[in-house]
Amino acid sequence: MSEVLYEIPQFSDKDCFYIVERHKSEFTYPIHRHKEFELNFVQNAKGVRRVVGDSVEEIGDYDLVLIAGEDLEHVWEQGSCKASDIREITIQFHPDLLSGSFISRNQFGTVKRMFEKAQHGISFPLESIMKVYSTLDRLTGENDGFMQLLDILQIFYELSKGDYKVLSSSSFSKAARDRESKRVKTVKQYINDHYADNLSLDQLSGLIGMSPSSFSRFFKQRTGKTLSSYITDIRLGVAARALVDSTQNISEICYGSGFNNLSNFNRAFREKRGMSPKEFRAIYRKNRVIV
């Protein structure tokens, strides 16, 4: 399979960020990745299909996504959108803009947590978008770079106080999710290392010295998911990554990612991704370019 386009940054190491506003009638840029973090705003593009990692969704009239995962593949493609004037504002910035001791200060607590989740890509609801719309709107017309930086920080802060949705799965984006207790980390790491095996509740609860019933409640409370649902999500993420990166057939990917039945695999994939594994692979193949 061809490689995902690796995008070269549009700004130098001496700059903090890069902002561009575009008005267009269609999305033509292929699926791509880059080390820079990105906040992307799209307006008047209902029906466009947004791909971030293994998340594939059709967007509404407004879309705002933060990607803070190095090399996380993403693309906005035309889908069923018929709009003649699509507005897009893209802000790219160096990962070290919000790193180290600076973002570790108490005042940046919510922002830091938001960026940790954005390693998988996060999208914001309309209510949050409207809170920062006026600031986004004036950014491209501001000529003072320092004032633009202050506006960007204000946008990050306002967004971090509201709701957002994590997009790509952890096993696809290859990034850990959330800071968790040692017991939860132990179980998750074991699942990540043995997703292709026959994993049982008794086996996993024994890893941390809990009874199966107590562990089942504990895991659901700490992760928001049942154990079986979490294992399925990990296996689907592994499968999605194999669909993107390998030439294995779908049956091989099914069994290699821990599913023991092709029908169950296809059904679970469609339930979580809204399409079949074959359709998901086709999206990536269609949008890739050779570099």
Foldseek 3Di string as FASTA:
>chain_A
DFDFAEDDDPDDPVDFKDKDKDKFFFFDAFKYFYQWKKKKKKAQQFQKWKDWQLAIDGDHRIKIKTANAHGTIIGTGNGPGGDGIMMMMMMTGHSVVCDDPNCVDPVNVLLVLVSLLNSQMKIDDPVLCVVLVVLSVCLVVDPDSVVSVVSVVVSSVSRSVDDIGRGAFCLRSVHDHDDADPLLVQLVVVCLVPLLDDDDLCVSCVVVPHDSVVVQVVNCVGPVDGPVVVSLSNLLSQLLNCLQPHPDDSVCSCNRSHHPDSVVNQVSNCVVHVHGSVVSSVSNVVRRDHD
